[in-house]
């Protein structure tokens, strides 16, 4: 009913930047919180950043001051600008959203993930 498709991952050198995008599509009535998680090999998936429908943001301690989450409600899209990347940022990044669908039910949806690798 809802599909989230991430893009923008890749290989970058330490200190570099990447911009992730996640577009939602399907039977969408409205979208509440949109979130980015990451999961490194052997680690649990953890929240990196979140943004409400009104634009209020929240960040994990490890990315504060380096990552910026934003959204375009008209396009049902969330972005994350990642600056000053570190090797420890290497992970698969997943988009997640709470979506009210046409039936007015609320579903929690995940994207397929995009790999971010920070290495020289």
Protein backbone atom coordinates (compact mmCIF):
# COMPACT_ATOMS: atom_id res chain seq x y z
CA UNK A 1 0.00 0.00 0.00
CA UNK A 2 2.94 2.31 0.71
CA UNK A 3 6.36 2.12 -0.90
CA UNK A 4 9.45 4.00 0.30
CA UNK A 5 12.36 4.20 -2.11
CA UNK A 6 15.74 5.52 -0.95
CA UNK A 7 18.50 6.88 -3.16
CA UNK A 8 21.77 8.76 -2.81
CA UNK A 9 24.01 6.29 -1.02
CA UNK A 10 27.51 5.46 -2.16
CA UNK A 11 31.21 5.55 -1.38
CA UNK A 12 32.70 8.77 -0.02
CA UNK A 13 35.98 9.74 1.59
CA UNK A 14 36.14 10.81 5.24
CA UNK A 15 35.11 14.43 5.56
CA UNK A 16 32.92 14.21 2.46
CA UNK A 17 29.19 14.66 2.01
CA UNK A 18 26.21 12.73 0.71
CA UNK A 19 22.54 13.54 0.36
CA UNK A 20 20.01 10.76 0.83
CA UNK A 21 16.47 10.95 -0.50
CA UNK A 22 13.42 8.83 0.23
CA UNK A 23 10.23 9.13 -1.79
CA UNK A 24 6.95 7.68 -0.56
CA UNK A 25 4.27 6.51 -2.95
CA UNK A 26 1.07 4.49 -2.90
CA UNK A 27 -2.29 4.95 -1.21
CA UNK A 28 -1.18 7.91 0.89
CA UNK A 29 -3.57 10.23 2.67
CA UNK A 30 -0.95 11.93 4.84
CA UNK A 31 2.46 11.22 6.36
CA UNK A 32 3.32 11.80 9.98
CA UNK A 33 6.90 11.32 11.20
CA UNK A 34 9.58 10.47 8.64
CA UNK A 35 12.76 8.92 9.96
CA UNK A 36 16.20 7.76 8.94
CA UNK A 37 17.77 4.73 10.65
CA UNK A 38 21.11 3.10 10.04
CA UNK A 39 22.42 -0.39 10.65
CA UNK A 40 26.09 -1.33 10.59
CA UNK A 41 27.19 -4.98 10.21
CA UNK A 42 26.63 -6.86 13.44
CA UNK A 43 24.85 -3.91 15.03
CA UNK A 44 21.25 -3.12 15.79
CA UNK A 45 19.31 -0.72 13.64
CA UNK A 46 19.25 2.69 15.31
CA UNK A 47 17.50 5.98 14.76
CA UNK A 48 19.63 8.67 13.14
CA UNK A 49 17.16 11.49 12.63
CA UNK A 50 13.45 12.18 12.53
CA UNK A 51 11.17 14.95 11.34
CA UNK A 52 7.49 15.58 12.06
CA UNK A 53 4.95 16.73 9.50
CA UNK A 54 5.33 20.26 10.92
CA UNK A 55 9.11 20.17 10.48
CA UNK A 56 10.32 19.58 14.02
CA UNK A 57 13.52 17.57 13.99
CA UNK A 58 15.43 15.27 16.30
CA UNK A 59 18.93 13.77 15.90
CA UNK A 60 21.02 11.04 17.39
CA UNK A 61 23.96 12.31 19.42
CA UNK A 62 26.52 10.90 16.98
CA UNK A 63 25.24 12.98 14.05
CA UNK A 64 24.21 16.27 15.68
CA UNK A 65 25.79 19.20 13.89
CA UNK A 66 26.76 17.07 10.87
CA UNK A 67 23.48 15.70 9.47
CA UNK A 68 20.37 17.66 8.52
CA UNK A 69 16.97 16.08 7.91
CA UNK A 70 14.33 17.87 5.84
CA UNK A 71 11.17 17.02 3.96
CA UNK A 72 9.03 18.19 1.07
CA UNK A 73 5.43 17.38 1.97
CA UNK A 74 4.19 18.15 -1.54
CA UNK A 75 6.49 15.45 -2.90
CA UNK A 76 6.11 13.01 0.02
CA UNK A 77 9.88 13.00 0.22
CA UNK A 78 12.38 13.15 3.07
CA UNK A 79 16.04 14.06 2.69
CA UNK A 80 19.13 13.79 4.83
CA UNK A 81 22.17 15.91 4.11
CA UNK A 82 25.21 14.21 5.62
CA UNK A 83 28.35 16.32 6.03
CA UNK A 84 31.73 15.68 7.64
CA UNK A 85 31.23 11.97 7.19
CA UNK A 86 33.28 9.59 9.32
CA UNK A 87 34.18 5.93 8.78
CA UNK A 88 31.87 5.05 11.66
CA UNK A 89 28.93 6.43 9.65
CA UNK A 90 29.33 3.43 7.33
CA UNK A 91 26.04 1.51 7.38
CA UNK A 92 22.91 0.71 5.47
CA UNK A 93 20.54 3.66 5.82
CA UNK A 94 16.81 2.98 5.94
CA UNK A 95 13.90 5.35 5.48
CA UNK A 96 10.88 4.84 7.75
CA UNK A 97 7.55 6.62 7.95
CA UNK A 98 4.19 6.54 9.72
CA UNK A 99 1.62 6.90 6.95
CA UNK A 100 -2.12 7.39 7.07
CA UNK A 101 -3.41 5.58 4.02
CA UNK A 102 -6.58 6.20 2.04
CA UNK A 103 -8.60 3.91 4.32
CA UNK A 104 -7.45 6.12 7.25
CA UNK A 105 -5.49 3.24 8.77
CA UNK A 106 -1.97 4.14 9.89
CA UNK A 107 0.86 1.94 8.69
CA UNK A 108 4.56 2.00 9.50
CA UNK A 109 6.60 1.47 6.35
CA UNK A 110 10.29 0.84 5.61
CA UNK A 111 12.41 1.36 2.54
CA UNK A 112 14.81 -1.23 1.19
CA UNK A 113 17.90 0.58 2.42
CA UNK A 114 20.83 2.31 0.74
CA UNK A 115 24.48 1.60 1.51
CA UNK A 116 26.72 4.42 2.71
CA UNK A 117 30.43 3.64 2.89
CA UNK A 118 32.93 6.15 4.25
CA UNK A 119 36.46 5.10 3.44
CA UNK A 120 39.68 6.44 2.00
